[in-house]
Amino acid sequence: MKHFILTLCVGLLVATSAFAQQTVVMGKVVDANSTEPIPDVELRIEDSPFDATSNAKGEFRMADAALPLGEQVLVITKSGYTTQRMPIVIQQGQTLNIESILLELDLSEVEAQIGIISLSDNELDQDEGTAYNISGLLQASRDVFLNAAAFDFSATFFRPRGLDNANGKVLINGIEMNKMFDGRPQWSNWGGLNDAQRNREFSMGLQPNDYAFGGIAGTTNIIMRASQYREGGRVSYAAANRSYKGRIMGSYNSGLDQNGWAYSVLVSRRFGDEGYIDGTLYDANSFFASVEKKLSEAHSLNFTGFYTPNRRGRSTAITEEMYDLKGRTYNPNWGYQDGEIRNSRTREIEEPVLMLNHYWNISDNTLLNTNVAYQFGKIGNTRIDNGGTRLVTNANGVEVYEGGARNPFGNYYQRLPSYFLQDDNPTPLDYQKAYLAEQEFIADGQLNWRELYAANLALRENGGNSVYAIQEDRNDDTQLSINSIFNTSLTENILLNGNVSFRTLKSENFAELKDLLGGTGYLDVDFFAGDDADAQQVEVGDVAQSDLNNRNRIAVEGDRYKYNYELTANELSGFAQAQFKYNLVDFYGAAMVSNTTYQRNGLFENGNFPGERSFGESEELNFSNYGVKAGATFKVTGRHLIDLNAGYLTKAPTLRNSFSNARQNNDVVIGLDSEKITSADLSYIYRSPIIKGRLTGFYTNIKDATDIGFYFTENLGGLGLEQDAFVQEVVTGIETRNMGLELGVEAQVTPTVKLKAAGSLAQYLYANNPNLYLTSDDFDGPLTFGDGTTNLENYHVASGPERAFQLGFEYRDPDFWWIGATTNYFSNAYLDVNNLSRSAAFTTDFDGQPIPEYDAEVANDLLAQEEFDDYILVNVVGGKSWKINDYYVGFFATINNVFDEDYRTGGFEQGRKSNYRDVLEDQSNPNGAVFGPRYFFGYGTTYYVNLYVRF
């Protein structure tokens, strides 16, 4: 340690002595309108390896004895501003101080970014991992490929490098916003705050980030700090036919006044009775406020709060048969009630976020930022519960449950034509029934709310309970986050970053009886629990109980029923990073450590899992993890750069994937382990006044991942009897391998015309045969098949198109109007395969023996992974801005999928039929499979128009 300190001191002295003889280029960059300093401006001397970035005060400095002398060109670049090329003269051993570089706002680019954010609202609101870190990609607007991925590729659920948003980190004011439950950012928590999200910092992949170690899919920090917003206001109105029909937004930023105060406010509303997909209502309001007080030159205190309550009607994947009969906009979840659309599956989110941020400028080179955030509220998902019963005494004097009702949805398989034609030789009566079913489905195919109410009212008049009800699955989370972020510049060339963070979560999870649909009560038992209990009616009474401590309870609206438990999670983490910047090379190294704990606390004692199996606290799960990463940028010349990043990290499993069936019991996933991630990328970057481009090769390997699926299956071979069940499918030890190339090139062929091209050529595969077992309340588990694995190796991971290519152009007129168009080609997208049918369950008969008629060649065809057809999407975008006195007025408009291309964005195999005999019979049906794959379809031609006034 003494030798290290001595060496460091000598190095600092040498650097100090050399500094006295250096040539210096320095200055300050400010907004041409407000004269406010602009941070994070990129400045570089053209055709040289020398560059710098402005700090929070807008100041920059390049100091080196090897700076090029004489007449040079200083290139100044900042997203949202017009790029400048400033002639300068550098003299050896002297300091060139450019006191004020004025950057003009690039109106067309700013509005393009506004439009892109708005256009991405649909993707941002997704929470199932189908969406990528769109907001982060938008920050990298100078990167052609990432711009294409954010704007044009996102509609196809394309994932850069095959990684979903759980592999990226989203921060707001330095605080991580990824949910501890599933690791994904809940975009709806800040949806509609578009004007407040302009200040973003993004680092792609493992590149260094000043706030956190980050994730392999990149890190975004959204700065919602009052003093950082440009003074002024903005009012806008948008109309669209996508996820919502209209949006109105107003915002105002005060800027920092003479007394050190600044504030920013925003209000917006998004609305629509239905979006592009039938019956998908959109009802969202957004409120934002930030107030900052500059206490002194060294200290500043900022408060930020936002609340974005939103309610959305949900759609679902549909089969080929449904698509052929009703088209890609079909959604079975809704029906008319009193002449108005009512969707049975709505998602409602109300999770306010409050933040307090303290900024301490310890010195000109050192900053300590301490943050506290508190988030609370609810997420609710409604659905129809059709298992209502009543308690009766049979002829033997035994209490039993009677009731239950048929699935009410129009797309229920027993209501579709294929159901009546599934026999080998359909009769004329079968064809008649199929025709009638087809005509009824085409004419309607929706929920009949009147029938649900009528059924409940009839039972009510005879003293019975509701058989239909609306259940809301609730997650009421309370989370506290605290962190401190340290940044210091040891020298002109060395920057140190560090972070210590703590997060704690308490999550209440329960089903709430939302609507009795005209009834008076709902018996809180599992009607299906006794299906395998033979004649043991007395035992069935216990097994069926949702809560043995409150047997045969009649639930009313507002009650918690079915399941009720708490999850707690705690995470303590820290990271340290050193960045070194020199003439010919920039490099960095970083390390991270963390400790995560989880625990479940059951508040209901489930009849299938009595005692401590479901009631009370589970064992506490504990995971210790670490990560290291390093990288370098080699400045071969001012135009040619080589960038390399590599890292290895371990990652705790998510809370969602830690308990096999948290709604019913305390069982921990067998074989649960932390993920092991290896990732690397290598890029060649070219930049000149006319052409900019990047070619990147990437590789990511993820081991020991866990996934839990929930579905109904009729094929449980090896149980000794023919049985169906609702199961939890637990897959552990999953290994995936993602590798490929990314390319982005743009050419400014004239001052007004830009050509661009982008593409991704990749492959995302399962790299092993992971472990699989089933659990259920219908059998004693866990249940495994054969060697306990599923044969997934070399199947494709369903991550959107593996190949995506773009050609496009932009024309930007000096009079502030612009237009652009892109042609985008997509291919190599795959259906998500069913894991159970790739296990030994596929070949196992109900007696536990191999299926005698099994044919390996036929089986290979049945298990082949479906590849979707390739397709081309053409998008057109444009806008116009005017400056009228002190007002900026303009519009932004786009048409996506101009030629109304019909395409699939994803889908999955159903798990109801999962053995050779039944899958062959279903897929061989000449009149269509009854349980064929379900697909998600992309939008047809859609539009978006945004009108605004800025002042």
Foldseek 3Di string as FASTA:
>chain_A
DVVVVVVVVVVVVVVVVQQQQKFKEKEFEAAQPPRQGDFQKWKDWFFFLDIWTAHNRRITMDIGQPDDAAWTWIWIDDQQWDIDTHIDGTDGRYYHYDYYDYTYGQVFRVVVLLVLVVVCLVLLQDDPQLHAPLLQLSRVVVAFFSVCCNRPVVLLSFAVLLGTQLQWFEAELLFTQQDLFASHHNSLQAPPVSLQQPDKDKDAAQPDDQRDSTGRRIYMYGYRAQQPDDAFKKWWKKAWQAAFGIKTKIKGWHHQDPQQKIKIWMKMWTWHCGHLAPRKTKTKIKIKMKMKGAPDPFKIKMKIKMWMKIKIADFDFFDPQLCVQANQSDGAQWDDDPRGIDGQWMKIWTKMKIKMKMWGCVDPFKIKIKMKMKIWTKIKIKHKQQAFWDWDQDPVRFIATDGGDDDQTLVDLCLALCVLQLDPDHDPVSNVSNVVSSVVCNVGRYGDLVVQLVVQVVQQVVVGARSIFMKMWMKIKIKMKIKMWMWGDPDSFKIKIKMKMKMKMKIKTFIFGAGRSNHAWGFQWGNCLCVPVPPPRVLNQLQGHLAPVQGRDTDDGGDTGNFIKMKMKMKIKMKMKMWGDDRFKIKMKMKMKMKMKMKMAGPGAHSLQGDQFHHGIADMDMDIKMKMKMWMWGCPISFKIKIKIWMKIWAAARSNQQAQCNRHGRHGDPPQDIKIKIKMKMKIWGDHPFKTKIKMKIKMKIWFHKDKDWAKAQFDAPPQDRGIFTKIKIWTGWMKMKIWMKMKMKGCPDVFKMKIKIKIAMFIATAAWTFIFIDGSNDDDGHAADPRTFPRGGPGDQSWFRIKMKIKMKGADPQFKIKMKMKMKTFFGWEAEDRLLRHNSQQGHNNRHGDVVDDVVVSCVLRDIDTWDMDMKMKMKMKGWDCDPPKIWMKIKMKIRVVFDKTFSYWYAHNHYRYNVVSCSQCVSPVHGSRGITTNIRRTIMMMMMIMMMD
